[in-house]
C-alpha atoms as a PDB file:
ATOM      1  CA  UNK A   1      92.634 111.894 102.835  1.00  0.00           C
ATOM      2  CA  UNK A   2      91.047 110.204 105.875  1.00  0.00           C
ATOM      3  CA  UNK A   3      93.322 109.206 107.269  1.00  0.00           C
ATOM      4  CA  UNK A   4      96.422 112.076 107.058  1.00  0.00           C
ATOM      5  CA  UNK A   5      93.358 114.927 108.172  1.00  0.00           C
ATOM      6  CA  UNK A   6      93.201 112.055 110.782  1.00  0.00           C
ATOM      7  CA  UNK A   7      97.154 112.083 111.783  1.00  0.00           C
ATOM      8  CA  UNK A   8      96.164 115.600 111.985  1.00  0.00           C
ATOM      9  CA  UNK A   9      93.225 115.612 114.924  1.00  0.00           C
ATOM     10  CA  UNK A  10      95.380 113.695 116.870  1.00  0.00           C
ATOM     11  CA  UNK A  11      98.546 116.045 116.410  1.00  0.00           C
ATOM     12  CA  UNK A  12      99.374 115.559 119.718  1.00  0.00           C
ATOM     13  CA  UNK A  13      98.230 112.406 120.694  1.00  0.00           C
ATOM     14  CA  UNK A  14     100.601 110.017 121.292  1.00  0.00           C
ATOM     15  CA  UNK A  15      99.318 107.270 123.446  1.00  0.00           C
ATOM     16  CA  UNK A  16      97.291 105.381 121.627  1.00  0.00           C
ATOM     17  CA  UNK A  17      98.218 102.797 117.978  1.00  0.00           C
ATOM     18  CA  UNK A  18      98.701 103.589 114.844  1.00  0.00           C
ATOM     19  CA  UNK A  19      97.630 101.157 111.875  1.00  0.00           C
ATOM     20  CA  UNK A  20     100.555 100.488 108.648  1.00  0.00           C
ATOM     21  CA  UNK A  21      97.654 102.566 106.622  1.00  0.00           C
ATOM     22  CA  UNK A  22      97.215 105.086 108.748  1.00  0.00           C
ATOM     23  CA  UNK A  23     100.887 105.542 108.904  1.00  0.00           C
ATOM     24  CA  UNK A  24     101.746 105.289 105.687  1.00  0.00           C
ATOM     25  CA  UNK A  25      98.508 107.523 103.946  1.00  0.00           C
ATOM     26  CA  UNK A  26      99.989 110.597 106.207  1.00  0.00           C
ATOM     27  CA  UNK A  27     103.268 109.447 105.191  1.00  0.00           C
ATOM     28  CA  UNK A  28     102.725 109.407 101.010  1.00  0.00           C
ATOM     29  CA  UNK A  29     100.226 112.606 101.590  1.00  0.00           C
ATOM     30  CA  UNK A  30     102.476 114.523 102.917  1.00  0.00           C
ATOM     31  CA  UNK A  31     104.983 114.114 100.772  1.00  0.00           C
ATOM     32  CA  UNK A  32     103.228 114.869  97.960  1.00  0.00           C
ATOM     33  CA  UNK A  33     102.290 118.170 100.217  1.00  0.00           C
ATOM     34  CA  UNK A  34     105.950 119.338 100.892  1.00  0.00           C
ATOM     35  CA  UNK A  35     106.443 118.403  97.291  1.00  0.00           C
ATOM     36  CA  UNK A  36     103.819 121.025  95.686  1.00  0.00           C
ATOM     37  CA  UNK A  37     104.764 123.698  97.576  1.00  0.00           C
ATOM     38  CA  UNK A  38     108.504 122.552  97.060  1.00  0.00           C
ATOM     39  CA  UNK A  39     107.756 123.168  93.474  1.00  0.00           C
ATOM     40  CA  UNK A  40     106.010 126.444  94.700  1.00  0.00           C
ATOM     41  CA  UNK A  41     108.626 128.096  96.492  1.00  0.00           C
ATOM     42  CA  UNK A  42     111.456 126.819  93.885  1.00  0.00           C
ATOM     43  CA  UNK A  43     109.650 128.796  91.139  1.00  0.00           C
ATOM     44  CA  UNK A  44     107.792 131.824  92.896  1.00  0.00           C
ATOM     45  CA  UNK A  45     110.269 132.641  95.794  1.00  0.00           C
ATOM     46  CA  UNK A  46     113.755 131.092  93.695  1.00  0.00           C
ATOM     47  CA  UNK A  47     114.082 128.397  96.596  1.00  0.00           C
ATOM     48  CA  UNK A  48     113.572 130.052  99.144  1.00  0.00           C
ATOM     49  CA  UNK A  49     111.523 127.964 101.064  1.00  0.00           C
ATOM     50  CA  UNK A  50     108.996 130.003 102.481  1.00  0.00           C
ATOM     51  CA  UNK A  51     106.569 127.776 102.164  1.00  0.00           C
ATOM     52  CA  UNK A  52     107.922 123.696 102.866  1.00  0.00           C
ATOM     53  CA  UNK A  53     109.663 125.564 105.903  1.00  0.00           C
ATOM     54  CA  UNK A  54     105.926 126.658 107.573  1.00  0.00           C
ATOM     55  CA  UNK A  55     104.244 123.685 106.836  1.00  0.00           C
ATOM     56  CA  UNK A  56     107.456 121.946 107.758  1.00  0.00           C
ATOM     57  CA  UNK A  57     107.082 123.051 111.035  1.00  0.00           C
ATOM     58  CA  UNK A  58     102.878 123.055 111.522  1.00  0.00           C
ATOM     59  CA  UNK A  59     103.471 119.129 110.248  1.00  0.00           C
ATOM     60  CA  UNK A  60     106.310 118.275 113.020  1.00  0.00           C
ATOM     61  CA  UNK A  61     104.195 116.986 116.167  1.00  0.00           C
ATOM     62  CA  UNK A  62     101.914 115.266 113.601  1.00  0.00           C
ATOM     63  CA  UNK A  63     104.375 113.401 112.226  1.00  0.00           C
ATOM     64  CA  UNK A  64     105.947 112.317 115.195  1.00  0.00           C
ATOM     65  CA  UNK A  65     102.170 111.175 117.371  1.00  0.00           C
ATOM     66  CA  UNK A  66     101.937 109.089 114.751  1.00  0.00           C
ATOM     67  CA  UNK A  67     105.892 107.573 114.624  1.00  0.00           C
ATOM     68  CA  UNK A  68     105.023 106.927 118.193  1.00  0.00           C
ATOM     69  CA  UNK A  69     101.903 105.211 117.678  1.00  0.00           C
ATOM     70  CA  UNK A  70     103.109 103.087 114.940  1.00  0.00           C
ATOM     71  CA  UNK A  71     105.957 102.166 117.047  1.00  0.00           C
ATOM     72  CA  UNK A  72     103.206 101.591 119.667  1.00  0.00           C
ATOM     73  CA  UNK A  73     101.308  99.366 117.530  1.00  0.00           C
ATOM     74  CA  UNK A  74     104.356  97.285 116.617  1.00  0.00           C
ATOM     75  CA  UNK A  75     104.507  96.234 120.238  1.00  0.00           C
ATOM     76  CA  UNK A  76     107.756  99.229 120.707  1.00  0.00           C
ATOM     77  CA  UNK A  77     107.983 101.829 122.855  1.00  0.00           C
ATOM     78  CA  UNK A  78     108.053 105.633 120.970  1.00  0.00           C
ATOM     79  CA  UNK A  79     111.290 105.113 122.080  1.00  0.00           C
ATOM     80  CA  UNK A  80     112.772 102.884 119.399  1.00  0.00           C
ATOM     81  CA  UNK A  81     112.588 106.081 117.056  1.00  0.00           C
ATOM     82  CA  UNK A  82     115.767 107.166 118.222  1.00  0.00           C
ATOM     83  CA  UNK A  83     117.602 104.291 116.562  1.00  0.00           C
ATOM     84  CA  UNK A  84     117.780 105.989 113.239  1.00  0.00           C
ATOM     85  CA  UNK A  85     120.895 107.452 115.460  1.00  0.00           C
ATOM     86  CA  UNK A  86     122.995 104.457 114.581  1.00  0.00           C
ATOM     87  CA  UNK A  87     124.233 105.423 111.434  1.00  0.00           C
ATOM     88  CA  UNK A  88     123.737 103.354 108.036  1.00  0.00           C
ATOM     89  CA  UNK A  89     121.553 101.198 109.775  1.00  0.00           C
ATOM     90  CA  UNK A  90     118.945 103.003 111.717  1.00  0.00           C
ATOM     91  CA  UNK A  91     117.300 103.970 109.480  1.00  0.00           C
ATOM     92  CA  UNK A  92     116.621 100.662 107.499  1.00  0.00           C
ATOM     93  CA  UNK A  93     115.863  99.455 110.881  1.00  0.00           C
ATOM     94  CA  UNK A  94     113.018 102.312 112.116  1.00  0.00           C
ATOM     95  CA  UNK A  95     112.102 101.369 108.201  1.00  0.00           C
ATOM     96  CA  UNK A  96     111.662  97.760 108.854  1.00  0.00           C
ATOM     97  CA  UNK A  97     109.172  98.442 112.054  1.00  0.00           C
ATOM     98  CA  UNK A  98     107.276 100.462 110.447  1.00  0.00           C
ATOM     99  CA  UNK A  99     106.030  97.941 107.473  1.00  0.00           C
ATOM    100  CA  UNK A 100     106.272  94.919 109.988  1.00  0.00           C
ATOM    101  CA  UNK A 101     102.411  93.562 110.737  1.00  0.00           C
ATOM    102  CA  UNK A 102     100.629  95.209 114.093  1.00  0.00           C
ATOM    103  CA  UNK A 103     100.750  93.308 117.428  1.00  0.00           C
ATOM    104  CA  UNK A 104      98.009  90.440 117.284  1.00  0.00           C
ATOM    105  CA  UNK A 105      95.825  91.361 120.009  1.00  0.00           C
ATOM    106  CA  UNK A 106      96.011  94.482 123.174  1.00  0.00           C
ATOM    107  CA  UNK A 107      99.279  95.563 124.010  1.00  0.00           C
ATOM    108  CA  UNK A 108     100.080  97.670 126.911  1.00  0.00           C
ATOM    109  CA  UNK A 109      98.799 100.791 124.748  1.00  0.00           C
ATOM    110  CA  UNK A 110      96.095  99.765 123.757  1.00  0.00           C
ATOM    111  CA  UNK A 111      93.501  97.348 121.972  1.00  0.00           C
ATOM    112  CA  UNK A 112      94.168  96.565 117.759  1.00  0.00           C
ATOM    113  CA  UNK A 113      93.251  99.005 115.808  1.00  0.00           C
ATOM    114  CA  UNK A 114      92.075  96.474 113.648  1.00  0.00           C
ATOM    115  CA  UNK A 115      89.724  94.853 116.519  1.00  0.00           C
ATOM    116  CA  UNK A 116      86.609  94.766 115.256  1.00  0.00           C
ATOM    117  CA  UNK A 117      86.277  94.652 111.628  1.00  0.00           C
ATOM    118  CA  UNK A 118      85.729  91.144 109.640  1.00  0.00           C
ATOM    119  CA  UNK A 119      88.477  89.247 108.320  1.00  0.00           C
ATOM    120  CA  UNK A 120      87.431  90.850 104.625  1.00  0.00           C
ATOM    121  CA  UNK A 121      87.964  94.371 106.045  1.00  0.00           C
ATOM    122  CA  UNK A 122      91.579  93.675 107.844  1.00  0.00           C
ATOM    123  CA  UNK A 123      92.651  91.884 104.301  1.00  0.00           C
ATOM    124  CA  UNK A 124      91.443  95.245 102.140  1.00  0.00           C
ATOM    125  CA  UNK A 125      92.694  97.521 104.454  1.00  0.00           C
ATOM    126  CA  UNK A 126      95.756  95.026 105.327  1.00  0.00           C
END
C-alpha cells in the first residue's frame, strides 16, 4: 500500500525514475480499487460508472506520471508511451518496457532508485 500512496503523493512528478515494484504495486492496487468501484457501480447504480468514473479521473495524472518515471528508469523518454498507438504490437512493446530491469547506475533522469540498498535488499525487492 505504501507504493500506491507514494505514487499518489508524486501525482504530477514526471521527473525522476520509478522502480518496477513501485509501478507494478500501483497497477495492482489501482486494479483492485477499480474492480471494487465497478462492482459497487454495477450493484447500486445499475451499471452507471459514477464511482469508477470519479476514481478514473482522480488517478489519471498519477498513472501517467508513474508510467513516464518507469520509462525513465529503463533509460527511455516518456514519449515512448505513444508506442501503444501502433496497432497490435505497441501495447506489448510497452508492457515489455515496464517489465525490464532498471538501467544500471545513473541516467539523465537521475540516480538508480535501487542504489543505496544492500545486495540482499535489491534481490528481495527486484
